[in-house]
């Protein structure tokens, strides 16, 4: 690895981050804090990945993810570090429901990702039939169900509690996170606390009740957090902080080839530049670096690592992704008189078993105070469509997706008004799937990456799909590379300058 300047010695390592989503931006931010020189290359013309700020009818909205888990600190910490601390806002309301069995039903309390620990609120909700409740109660009579090193969440829960719980509670909740099939999703990767309960061998409902009670005792703030103006402001603020610290950001700069050399890395970059409108400079077609961080989806990582880390590339090529679409609509508030559900809830989830088009609806102007204040005469809501292996509807055009969303909303809440504006944002291959054995696959990828000096990976594939998980993944990759760079520059290491 070639050497360059580090803090206190007048020398610093040059790290190239490939990928301008929140993970890549967070890695660049962390690397700059650690004293590295940083260049970030993003293939598209936009930064932020699945976080995207936009507007509808002149009102700011999120066109991708709209909130982050606040109980895990990395996302909130990053927002504060880049000057957004005073713009952090919890939801104005979090009274979500389930649209199932012909009506909107309250989300029962005392559950862990839909797995019940207390049958009383579940029975009161009407989500589960009497036969389904009786089936759950049998959990206490059943012998332990082996889970081994990993198990499919849906299959395990169906064996313990019956399919109704999986189909009407767990599937809609996990579907909102992964857009996946819970019957194939790894329990160990997706709900590790539940996996530990399952491994203990006792009644599952008892263990879940204890988890839920423990979580309730720890509650000292909001579960989720948004940002005034939209969570899509976060990557833009991080990018501004990266530039202010001396980092270079190039958009429309697709890395065509990544090659390991005797003393670092050489990257062949397509396109002349184009930055995202602020830097305004063309970039060179060849970039050299001491280290590289790959913060891109698995297909792109597999292609770039085919020569430098072929075994990791092979593993990455096996990762599946789900696609989805978000339909955002704006209505005149005075046209919604009498639609009480919009004033009482933050939205609802839809179990796939009910056969609807939409999988969720968010009443954004009800959920976020900043959005309500920005458009007091408008009501903004959005629906999501698409799940892994259930993407037929995504082949329809935008007008059809809006029409189908309105039809479902009409049945669910009695909405008959027509939107004054609508837009559809498609996230093709947006969410990595976590099947059984996912964590072992990630461990194998990282073991191969570790064999290659000056190489790191981060993002939703590795440590979780939420914003805090992606930021934490970025921190881990950045810290490991900073340590490796520092070690090569210690006195007696033999590292020297390269032109």
Protein backbone atom coordinates (compact mmCIF):
# COMPACT_ATOMS: atom_id res chain seq x y z
CA UNK A 1 0.00 0.00 0.00
CA UNK A 2 1.41 3.36 -0.93
CA UNK A 3 1.80 5.92 1.78
CA UNK A 4 0.68 9.51 1.99
CA UNK A 5 0.05 12.06 4.71
CA UNK A 6 -1.46 11.24 8.13
CA UNK A 7 -2.37 13.63 10.95
CA UNK A 8 0.61 14.79 12.94
CA UNK A 9 3.18 13.56 10.41
CA UNK A 10 2.26 15.71 7.41
CA UNK A 11 1.16 12.61 5.46
CA UNK A 12 -2.28 11.39 4.61
CA UNK A 13 -3.73 8.30 2.91
CA UNK A 14 -6.00 8.71 -0.09
CA UNK A 15 -9.18 6.64 0.08
CA UNK A 16 -11.69 6.37 -2.75
CA UNK A 17 -15.27 5.61 -1.75
CA UNK A 18 -17.35 4.06 -4.54
CA UNK A 19 -21.04 4.78 -4.05
CA UNK A 20 -22.85 7.92 -2.96
CA UNK A 21 -25.70 6.49 -0.92
CA UNK A 22 -25.90 7.14 2.80
CA UNK A 23 -23.37 4.37 3.54
CA UNK A 24 -20.78 5.77 1.11
CA UNK A 25 -21.30 9.33 2.32
CA UNK A 26 -21.06 8.25 5.96
CA UNK A 27 -17.84 6.35 5.19
CA UNK A 28 -16.37 9.43 3.49
CA UNK A 29 -17.34 11.59 6.46
CA UNK A 30 -15.73 9.17 8.91
CA UNK A 31 -12.56 8.83 6.83
CA UNK A 32 -12.13 12.59 6.66
CA UNK A 33 -12.56 12.81 10.43
CA UNK A 34 -9.77 10.25 10.70
CA UNK A 35 -7.39 12.32 8.61
CA UNK A 36 -7.62 10.60 5.25
CA UNK A 37 -7.90 12.36 1.90
CA UNK A 38 -11.15 11.24 0.31
CA UNK A 39 -12.63 11.06 -3.17
CA UNK A 40 -16.19 9.80 -3.52
CA UNK A 41 -17.37 8.48 -6.90
CA UNK A 42 -21.08 8.06 -7.64
CA UNK A 43 -22.21 6.50 -10.91
CA UNK A 44 -25.55 8.30 -11.11
CA UNK A 45 -26.20 12.01 -11.24
CA UNK A 46 -27.63 12.11 -7.72
CA UNK A 47 -26.40 11.49 -4.18
CA UNK A 48 -28.37 9.75 -1.44
CA UNK A 49 -29.28 6.32 -2.79
CA UNK A 50 -32.64 5.29 -1.32
CA UNK A 51 -32.86 8.59 0.57
CA UNK A 52 -34.25 11.22 -1.74
CA UNK A 53 -35.73 14.63 -1.04
CA UNK A 54 -38.27 16.00 -3.50
CA UNK A 55 -41.56 17.84 -3.64
CA UNK A 56 -45.15 17.49 -4.75
CA UNK A 57 -47.36 20.47 -5.52
CA UNK A 58 -44.62 22.70 -4.05
CA UNK A 59 -44.49 20.81 -0.73
CA UNK A 60 -41.25 19.05 0.32
CA UNK A 61 -41.58 15.28 0.67
CA UNK A 62 -39.45 12.18 0.97
CA UNK A 63 -39.45 10.08 -2.18
CA UNK A 64 -37.57 7.21 -0.54
CA UNK A 65 -37.09 6.25 3.11
CA UNK A 66 -38.84 8.74 5.40
CA UNK A 67 -37.55 7.95 8.90
CA UNK A 68 -34.80 6.24 10.84
CA UNK A 69 -34.72 4.14 13.96
CA UNK A 70 -33.82 6.43 16.85
CA UNK A 71 -33.14 3.68 19.41
CA UNK A 72 -30.01 2.79 17.48
CA UNK A 73 -27.85 5.93 17.66
CA UNK A 74 -25.69 6.06 14.52
CA UNK A 75 -28.17 7.80 12.23
CA UNK A 76 -29.15 10.46 14.74
CA UNK A 77 -25.49 11.01 15.63
CA UNK A 78 -24.59 11.58 11.98
CA UNK A 79 -27.48 14.01 11.53
CA UNK A 80 -26.27 16.02 14.51
CA UNK A 81 -22.67 15.94 13.31
CA UNK A 82 -23.63 17.53 9.98
CA UNK A 83 -25.76 20.29 11.50
CA UNK A 84 -29.24 18.77 11.38
CA UNK A 85 -29.66 18.27 15.11
CA UNK A 86 -32.22 21.06 15.47
CA UNK A 87 -34.23 19.66 12.53
CA UNK A 88 -34.70 16.16 13.96
CA UNK A 89 -38.37 15.47 14.65
CA UNK A 90 -40.27 12.46 15.95
CA UNK A 91 -43.52 11.51 14.22
CA UNK A 92 -46.49 13.63 15.25
CA UNK A 93 -48.41 10.38 15.63
CA UNK A 94 -47.54 6.71 15.32
CA UNK A 95 -50.99 5.11 15.42
CA UNK A 96 -50.58 2.67 12.56
CA UNK A 97 -53.18 0.01 11.81
CA UNK A 98 -53.59 -3.19 9.84
CA UNK A 99 -56.04 -3.29 6.95
CA UNK A 100 -57.26 -6.85 7.12
CA UNK A 101 -60.43 -8.88 7.45
CA UNK A 102 -62.45 -6.09 5.86
CA UNK A 103 -61.44 -3.19 8.08
CA UNK A 104 -58.73 -1.11 9.72
CA UNK A 105 -57.69 -2.82 12.92
CA UNK A 106 -55.36 -1.56 15.64
CA UNK A 107 -51.84 -2.87 15.71
CA UNK A 108 -51.85 -5.02 18.86
CA UNK A 109 -49.38 -4.06 21.56
CA UNK A 110 -46.95 -6.39 23.30
CA UNK A 111 -45.38 -7.87 20.16
CA UNK A 112 -41.88 -8.11 18.70
CA UNK A 113 -42.03 -7.54 14.92
CA UNK A 114 -45.56 -8.94 14.94
CA UNK A 115 -44.80 -11.96 17.11
CA UNK A 116 -47.24 -11.77 20.04
CA UNK A 117 -46.30 -12.07 23.68
CA UNK A 118 -49.69 -11.14 25.11
CA UNK A 119 -52.84 -12.63 23.63
CA UNK A 120 -55.29 -10.16 25.21
CA UNK A 121 -54.55 -7.14 22.96
CA UNK A 122 -54.22 -9.48 19.99
CA UNK A 123 -57.67 -10.93 20.63
CA UNK A 124 -59.15 -7.45 21.07
CA UNK A 125 -57.71 -6.29 17.75
CA UNK A 126 -59.68 -8.80 15.68
CA UNK A 127 -56.64 -9.45 13.48
CA UNK A 128 -56.49 -13.16 14.36
CA UNK A 129 -59.45 -15.54 14.29
CA UNK A 130 -60.54 -17.58 17.29
CA UNK A 131 -58.98 -20.66 15.75
CA UNK A 132 -55.78 -18.69 15.21
CA UNK A 133 -55.73 -17.55 18.84
CA UNK A 134 -56.23 -21.12 20.01
CA UNK A 135 -53.34 -22.21 17.80
CA UNK A 136 -51.05 -19.59 19.35
CA UNK A 137 -51.98 -20.79 22.85
CA UNK A 138 -50.66 -24.25 21.95
CA UNK A 139 -47.13 -22.84 21.93
CA UNK A 140 -46.81 -23.57 25.65
CA UNK A 141 -47.60 -27.26 25.06
CA UNK A 142 -45.21 -27.84 22.18
CA UNK A 143 -41.73 -29.33 22.62
CA UNK A 144 -38.80 -27.07 21.64
CA UNK A 145 -38.41 -26.51 17.91
CA UNK A 146 -34.77 -26.83 16.78
CA UNK A 147 -33.34 -23.74 15.08
CA UNK A 148 -29.73 -24.80 14.50
CA UNK A 149 -27.43 -22.04 13.27
CA UNK A 150 -30.28 -20.28 11.48
CA UNK A 151 -33.89 -20.83 10.50
CA UNK A 152 -36.50 -19.22 8.24
CA UNK A 153 -38.51 -16.85 10.40
CA UNK A 154 -41.89 -17.60 8.84
CA UNK A 155 -41.45 -21.37 8.83
CA UNK A 156 -40.39 -21.40 12.49
CA UNK A 157 -43.24 -19.15 13.61
CA UNK A 158 -45.80 -21.13 11.62
CA UNK A 159 -44.65 -24.30 13.38
CA UNK A 160 -44.86 -22.66 16.81
CA UNK A 161 -47.83 -20.30 16.51
CA UNK A 162 -49.62 -21.12 13.27
CA UNK A 163 -49.68 -19.43 9.87
CA UNK A 164 -52.21 -16.74 10.78
CA UNK A 165 -49.68 -14.89 12.91
CA UNK A 166 -47.14 -15.05 10.11
CA UNK A 167 -49.53 -14.03 7.34
CA UNK A 168 -51.42 -11.25 9.13
CA UNK A 169 -48.86 -9.75 11.51
CA UNK A 170 -45.25 -10.69 10.83
CA UNK A 171 -45.41 -10.57 7.03
CA UNK A 172 -46.75 -7.00 6.76
CA UNK A 173 -44.31 -5.70 9.37
CA UNK A 174 -41.19 -7.41 7.99
CA UNK A 175 -42.40 -6.69 4.46
CA UNK A 176 -42.13 -3.01 5.24
CA UNK A 177 -38.49 -3.45 6.19
CA UNK A 178 -37.20 -5.91 3.58
CA UNK A 179 -40.02 -6.13 1.00
CA UNK A 180 -39.29 -9.84 1.25
CA UNK A 181 -40.89 -13.22 1.87
CA UNK A 182 -40.87 -13.86 5.61
CA UNK A 183 -41.07 -17.61 4.97
CA UNK A 184 -37.56 -17.39 3.51
CA UNK A 185 -36.12 -14.60 5.66
CA UNK A 186 -33.38 -15.46 8.15
CA UNK A 187 -34.53 -15.14 11.75
CA UNK A 188 -30.97 -14.76 12.94
CA UNK A 189 -30.30 -11.86 10.57
CA UNK A 190 -33.65 -10.07 10.68
CA UNK A 191 -34.75 -10.43 14.33
CA UNK A 192 -31.68 -11.58 16.31
CA UNK A 193 -33.33 -11.06 19.72
CA UNK A 194 -36.12 -13.43 18.70
CA UNK A 195 -33.56 -15.93 17.46
CA UNK A 196 -31.96 -16.00 20.91
CA UNK A 197 -35.37 -16.60 22.50
CA UNK A 198 -35.97 -19.45 20.07
CA UNK A 199 -32.60 -21.00 20.90
CA UNK A 200 -33.42 -20.98 24.61
CA UNK A 201 -36.06 -23.65 23.97
CA UNK A 202 -38.80 -22.26 26.22
CA UNK A 203 -42.30 -21.18 25.17
CA UNK A 204 -41.89 -18.55 22.48
CA UNK A 205 -44.74 -16.34 23.71
CA UNK A 206 -43.18 -16.14 27.19
CA UNK A 207 -39.86 -15.04 25.73
CA UNK A 208 -41.51 -12.47 23.46
CA UNK A 209 -43.50 -11.03 26.35
CA UNK A 210 -40.28 -10.58 28.30
CA UNK A 211 -38.60 -8.89 25.31
CA UNK A 212 -41.57 -6.54 24.86
CA UNK A 213 -41.65 -5.65 28.55
CA UNK A 214 -37.92 -5.02 28.56
CA UNK A 215 -38.24 -2.74 25.53
CA UNK A 216 -41.10 -0.83 27.18
CA UNK A 217 -38.99 -0.24 30.30
CA UNK A 218 -36.16 1.15 28.15
CA UNK A 219 -38.39 3.62 26.33
CA UNK A 220 -36.99 7.07 27.03
CA UNK A 221 -37.65 8.71 23.68
CA UNK A 222 -39.20 8.20 20.26
CA UNK A 223 -38.65 4.93 18.45
CA UNK A 224 -38.28 6.66 15.07
CA UNK A 225 -37.03 10.05 13.99
CA UNK A 226 -37.51 12.15 10.89
CA UNK A 227 -35.99 15.40 9.69
CA UNK A 228 -37.79 18.68 9.05
CA UNK A 229 -37.99 18.88 5.28
CA UNK A 230 -37.51 15.15 4.86
CA UNK A 231 -34.96 12.48 5.74
CA UNK A 232 -33.65 13.01 2.20
CA UNK A 233 -31.93 16.12 3.54
CA UNK A 234 -29.49 13.90 5.46
CA UNK A 235 -27.29 12.70 2.57
CA UNK A 236 -27.18 16.23 1.13
CA UNK A 237 -26.02 17.62 4.46
CA UNK A 238 -23.40 14.87 4.78
CA UNK A 239 -22.17 15.66 1.27
CA UNK A 240 -21.86 19.35 2.19
CA UNK A 241 -19.87 18.39 5.29
CA UNK A 242 -17.59 16.14 3.23
CA UNK A 243 -16.86 18.96 0.79
CA UNK A 244 -16.32 21.45 3.61
CA UNK A 245 -13.73 19.09 5.11
CA UNK A 246 -11.82 18.93 1.82
CA UNK A 247 -13.33 15.78 0.34
CA UNK A 248 -13.98 15.53 -3.38
CA UNK A 249 -17.33 14.26 -4.65
CA UNK A 250 -17.91 13.32 -8.29
CA UNK A 251 -21.27 12.22 -9.66
CA UNK A 252 -21.85 10.60 -13.06
CA UNK A 253 -18.52 8.94 -12.41
CA UNK A 254 -19.04 5.21 -12.91
CA UNK A 255 -16.10 3.01 -11.94
CA UNK A 256 -15.53 0.66 -14.85
CA UNK A 257 -12.55 -1.23 -13.43
CA UNK A 258 -10.93 -1.65 -10.03
CA UNK A 259 -7.37 -2.97 -10.14
CA UNK A 260 -5.03 -3.82 -7.29
CA UNK A 261 -1.44 -2.66 -7.88
CA UNK A 262 1.81 -3.22 -6.01
CA UNK A 263 1.33 -0.11 -3.90
CA UNK A 264 -2.39 0.66 -3.95
CA UNK A 265 -5.32 0.78 -6.34
CA UNK A 266 -6.08 2.07 -9.79
CA UNK A 267 -9.66 2.88 -10.81
CA UNK A 268 -10.84 3.42 -14.37
CA UNK A 269 -13.71 5.92 -14.30
CA UNK A 270 -16.19 6.43 -17.13
CA UNK A 271 -17.64 9.81 -17.93
CA UNK A 272 -16.25 13.27 -17.51
CA UNK A 273 -18.08 14.54 -14.77
CA UNK A 274 -20.22 16.00 -13.84
CA UNK A 275 -20.55 16.62 -10.32
CA UNK A 276 -23.93 17.04 -8.67
CA UNK A 277 -24.04 20.71 -9.56
CA UNK A 278 -21.89 22.13 -6.80
CA UNK A 279 -18.33 21.14 -7.50
CA UNK A 280 -18.56 21.91 -11.21
CA UNK A 281 -15.29 20.22 -12.19
CA UNK A 282 -14.45 17.42 -14.57
CA UNK A 283 -12.55 14.49 -13.13
CA UNK A 284 -9.75 12.34 -14.49
CA UNK A 285 -10.56 8.98 -16.14
CA UNK A 286 -7.98 7.21 -13.95
CA UNK A 287 -7.81 7.58 -10.17
CA UNK A 288 -5.18 6.09 -7.86
CA UNK A 289 -5.69 5.42 -4.18
CA UNK A 290 -4.17 3.83 -1.11
CA UNK A 291 -7.48 2.22 -0.17
CA UNK A 292 -10.98 1.71 -1.53
CA UNK A 293 -14.38 1.41 0.12
CA UNK A 294 -17.14 -0.26 -1.90
CA UNK A 295 -20.51 1.12 -0.80
CA UNK A 296 -22.54 -0.21 -3.71
CA UNK A 297 -25.18 -2.94 -4.16
CA UNK A 298 -24.03 -6.52 -4.54
CA UNK A 299 -24.18 -6.74 -8.37
CA UNK A 300 -21.88 -3.73 -8.78
CA UNK A 301 -19.56 -4.96 -6.02
CA UNK A 302 -19.39 -8.43 -7.62
CA UNK A 303 -18.39 -6.93 -10.97
CA UNK A 304 -15.71 -4.65 -9.51
CA UNK A 305 -14.19 -7.36 -7.29
CA UNK A 306 -14.03 -10.10 -9.92
CA UNK A 307 -10.25 -9.75 -10.26
CA UNK A 308 -9.16 -8.47 -6.85
CA UNK A 309 -11.36 -10.75 -4.70
CA UNK A 310 -12.93 -13.45 -6.90
CA UNK A 311 -14.33 -15.56 -4.06
CA UNK A 312 -16.07 -12.51 -2.56
CA UNK A 313 -17.32 -11.61 -6.03
CA UNK A 314 -18.88 -15.05 -6.43
CA UNK A 315 -20.68 -14.75 -3.09
CA UNK A 316 -21.93 -11.25 -3.91
CA UNK A 317 -23.34 -12.46 -7.21
CA UNK A 318 -25.79 -14.71 -5.32
CA UNK A 319 -27.53 -11.87 -3.44
CA UNK A 320 -31.17 -11.25 -4.37
CA UNK A 321 -32.87 -7.85 -4.30
CA UNK A 322 -36.50 -6.76 -4.13
CA UNK A 323 -37.99 -3.88 -6.11
CA UNK A 324 -40.77 -1.55 -5.07
CA UNK A 325 -42.56 1.63 -6.02
CA UNK A 326 -43.73 4.55 -3.91
CA UNK A 327 -46.84 6.42 -5.03
CA UNK A 328 -47.06 9.93 -3.55
CA UNK A 329 -50.29 11.90 -3.85
CA UNK A 330 -51.41 15.35 -2.74
CA UNK A 331 -55.08 16.18 -2.03
CA UNK A 332 -56.86 19.38 -1.13
CA UNK A 333 -57.69 19.13 2.54
CA UNK A 334 -61.18 20.50 2.03
CA UNK A 335 -61.88 17.57 -0.30
CA UNK A 336 -61.23 15.04 2.49
CA UNK A 337 -64.04 16.06 4.82
CA UNK A 338 -65.55 12.98 6.38
CA UNK A 339 -62.58 10.67 5.81
CA UNK A 340 -62.01 10.22 9.54
CA UNK A 341 -59.27 7.59 9.22
CA UNK A 342 -56.89 10.17 7.74
CA UNK A 343 -57.19 12.29 10.87
CA UNK A 344 -56.92 9.42 13.32
CA UNK A 345 -54.00 7.33 12.05
CA UNK A 346 -50.49 7.65 10.67
CA UNK A 347 -51.24 4.95 8.10
CA UNK A 348 -51.74 1.23 7.78
CA UNK A 349 -50.04 -1.99 6.71
CA UNK A 350 -51.60 -4.59 4.45
CA UNK A 351 -51.04 -8.36 4.83
CA UNK A 352 -50.20 -9.93 1.45
CA UNK A 353 -52.65 -12.72 2.18
CA UNK A 354 -55.52 -10.25 1.69
CA UNK A 355 -54.60 -9.89 -2.00
CA UNK A 356 -54.46 -6.10 -2.23
CA UNK A 357 -52.20 -4.12 -4.52
CA UNK A 358 -50.70 -1.80 -1.93
CA UNK A 359 -48.65 -3.20 0.94
CA UNK A 360 -48.78 -0.04 3.06
CA UNK A 361 -50.13 3.50 3.17
CA UNK A 362 -48.59 6.41 5.07
CA UNK A 363 -50.68 9.48 5.84
CA UNK A 364 -47.62 11.71 5.63
CA UNK A 365 -49.31 15.02 6.50
CA UNK A 366 -50.71 13.39 9.62
CA UNK A 367 -47.49 11.61 10.54
CA UNK A 368 -45.04 14.51 10.14
CA UNK A 369 -45.68 17.90 11.69
CA UNK A 370 -43.17 19.62 9.42
CA UNK A 371 -45.03 18.42 6.32
CA UNK A 372 -48.39 19.56 7.68
CA UNK A 373 -46.94 23.00 8.37
CA UNK A 374 -45.30 23.21 4.93
CA UNK A 375 -48.58 22.51 3.12
CA UNK A 376 -51.47 23.45 5.43
CA UNK A 377 -54.01 23.37 2.57
CA UNK A 378 -52.80 20.02 1.24
CA UNK A 379 -52.85 16.47 2.55
CA UNK A 380 -50.01 14.25 1.34
CA UNK A 381 -50.10 10.48 1.55
CA UNK A 382 -48.20 7.71 -0.11
CA UNK A 383 -48.56 4.02 -0.80
CA UNK A 384 -45.95 1.33 -1.45
CA UNK A 385 -46.26 -1.46 -3.99
CA UNK A 386 -44.08 -4.50 -4.67
CA UNK A 387 -42.53 -7.39 -2.78
CA UNK A 388 -39.81 -9.91 -3.54
CA UNK A 389 -41.07 -12.40 -6.13
CA UNK A 390 -44.34 -10.44 -6.34
CA UNK A 391 -43.48 -7.62 -8.70
CA UNK A 392 -46.05 -8.07 -11.48
CA UNK A 393 -47.75 -4.78 -10.63
CA UNK A 394 -44.45 -2.93 -10.97
CA UNK A 395 -44.57 -3.59 -14.72
CA UNK A 396 -47.62 -1.34 -14.98
CA UNK A 397 -47.26 2.30 -15.91
CA UNK A 398 -47.39 5.13 -13.39
CA UNK A 399 -51.02 6.04 -14.09
CA UNK A 400 -52.09 2.45 -13.34
CA UNK A 401 -50.23 2.41 -10.03
CA UNK A 402 -51.90 5.65 -8.98
CA UNK A 403 -55.31 4.32 -10.04
CA UNK A 404 -54.81 1.02 -8.18
CA UNK A 405 -53.61 2.84 -5.08
CA UNK A 406 -56.71 5.04 -5.10
CA UNK A 407 -58.94 1.99 -5.49
CA UNK A 408 -57.41 0.33 -2.43
CA UNK A 409 -57.55 3.56 -0.42
CA UNK A 410 -61.21 3.90 -1.34
CA UNK A 411 -61.96 0.47 0.11
CA UNK A 412 -59.75 0.93 3.16
CA UNK A 413 -60.72 4.43 4.34
CA UNK A 414 -63.51 5.59 2.03
CA UNK A 415 -61.33 8.00 0.08
CA UNK A 416 -63.13 9.24 -3.03
CA UNK A 417 -61.31 12.52 -3.72
CA UNK A 418 -58.94 12.80 -6.66
CA UNK A 419 -55.38 13.97 -6.06
CA UNK A 420 -54.32 17.36 -7.36
CA UNK A 421 -50.86 15.90 -7.99
CA UNK A 422 -49.25 12.48 -7.96
CA UNK A 423 -45.90 10.91 -8.72
CA UNK A 424 -44.43 7.42 -8.78
CA UNK A 425 -40.85 6.68 -7.73
CA UNK A 426 -39.54 3.23 -8.57
CA UNK A 427 -36.75 1.59 -6.60
CA UNK A 428 -35.60 -1.24 -8.82
CA UNK A 429 -33.46 -3.74 -6.94
CA UNK A 430 -33.59 -1.46 -3.93
CA UNK A 431 -33.67 -3.86 -0.98
CA UNK A 432 -31.25 -6.77 -0.40
CA UNK A 433 -32.85 -9.98 0.81
CA UNK A 434 -31.71 -11.74 3.98
CA UNK A 435 -32.44 -15.46 3.44
CA UNK A 436 -31.43 -18.27 5.78
CA UNK A 437 -27.63 -18.33 6.00
CA UNK A 438 -27.27 -14.64 5.14
CA UNK A 439 -24.97 -13.83 8.04
CA UNK A 440 -22.70 -16.73 7.15
CA UNK A 441 -22.54 -15.44 3.58
CA UNK A 442 -21.62 -11.96 4.84
CA UNK A 443 -18.92 -13.49 7.04
CA UNK A 444 -17.46 -15.31 4.04
CA UNK A 445 -17.48 -12.12 1.97
CA UNK A 446 -15.74 -10.16 4.70
CA UNK A 447 -13.17 -12.91 5.24
CA UNK A 448 -12.22 -12.68 1.56
CA UNK A 449 -12.20 -8.88 1.63
CA UNK A 450 -9.87 -8.97 4.64
CA UNK A 451 -7.28 -10.84 2.56
CA UNK A 452 -6.94 -7.85 0.23
CA UNK A 453 -4.99 -4.91 1.71
CA UNK A 454 -6.70 -1.55 1.52
CA UNK A 455 -10.19 -2.80 0.73
CA UNK A 456 -13.44 -2.31 2.65
CA UNK A 457 -17.15 -2.84 2.05
CA UNK A 458 -20.25 -1.37 3.66
CA UNK A 459 -23.95 -0.86 3.10
CA UNK A 460 -27.40 -2.40 3.53
CA UNK A 461 -26.26 -5.84 2.40
CA UNK A 462 -23.94 -6.40 5.34
CA UNK A 463 -25.26 -5.13 8.65
CA UNK A 464 -28.93 -4.21 8.23
CA UNK A 465 -31.09 -2.22 5.83
CA UNK A 466 -31.98 0.76 8.04
CA UNK A 467 -30.19 4.10 8.07
CA UNK A 468 -28.44 3.56 11.45
CA UNK A 469 -27.29 0.11 10.33
CA UNK A 470 -25.87 1.52 7.09
CA UNK A 471 -24.07 4.30 8.97
CA UNK A 472 -22.71 1.78 11.46
CA UNK A 473 -21.51 -0.42 8.60
CA UNK A 474 -19.77 2.60 7.05
CA UNK A 475 -18.07 3.49 10.33
CA UNK A 476 -16.78 -0.05 10.68
CA UNK A 477 -15.29 -0.10 7.18
CA UNK A 478 -13.77 3.37 7.57
CA UNK A 479 -12.22 2.65 10.97
CA UNK A 480 -10.67 -0.59 9.76
CA UNK A 481 -9.07 1.14 6.77
CA UNK A 482 -7.86 4.08 8.87
CA UNK A 483 -6.17 1.61 11.19
CA UNK A 484 -4.55 -0.20 8.29
CA UNK A 485 -3.34 3.07 6.74
CA UNK A 486 -1.87 4.22 10.04
CA UNK A 487 -0.04 0.91 10.48
CA UNK A 488 1.67 1.23 7.09
CA UNK A 489 2.94 4.68 8.02
CA UNK A 490 4.43 3.83 11.41
CA UNK A 491 8.19 4.42 11.78
CA UNK A 492 10.07 1.43 10.43
CA UNK A 493 7.16 0.23 8.32
CA UNK A 494 9.14 0.78 5.17
CA UNK A 495 6.34 2.76 3.56
CA UNK A 496 7.43 5.58 1.34
CA UNK A 497 5.97 8.29 -0.81
CA UNK A 498 4.86 7.57 -4.34
CA UNK A 499 4.59 10.19 -7.02
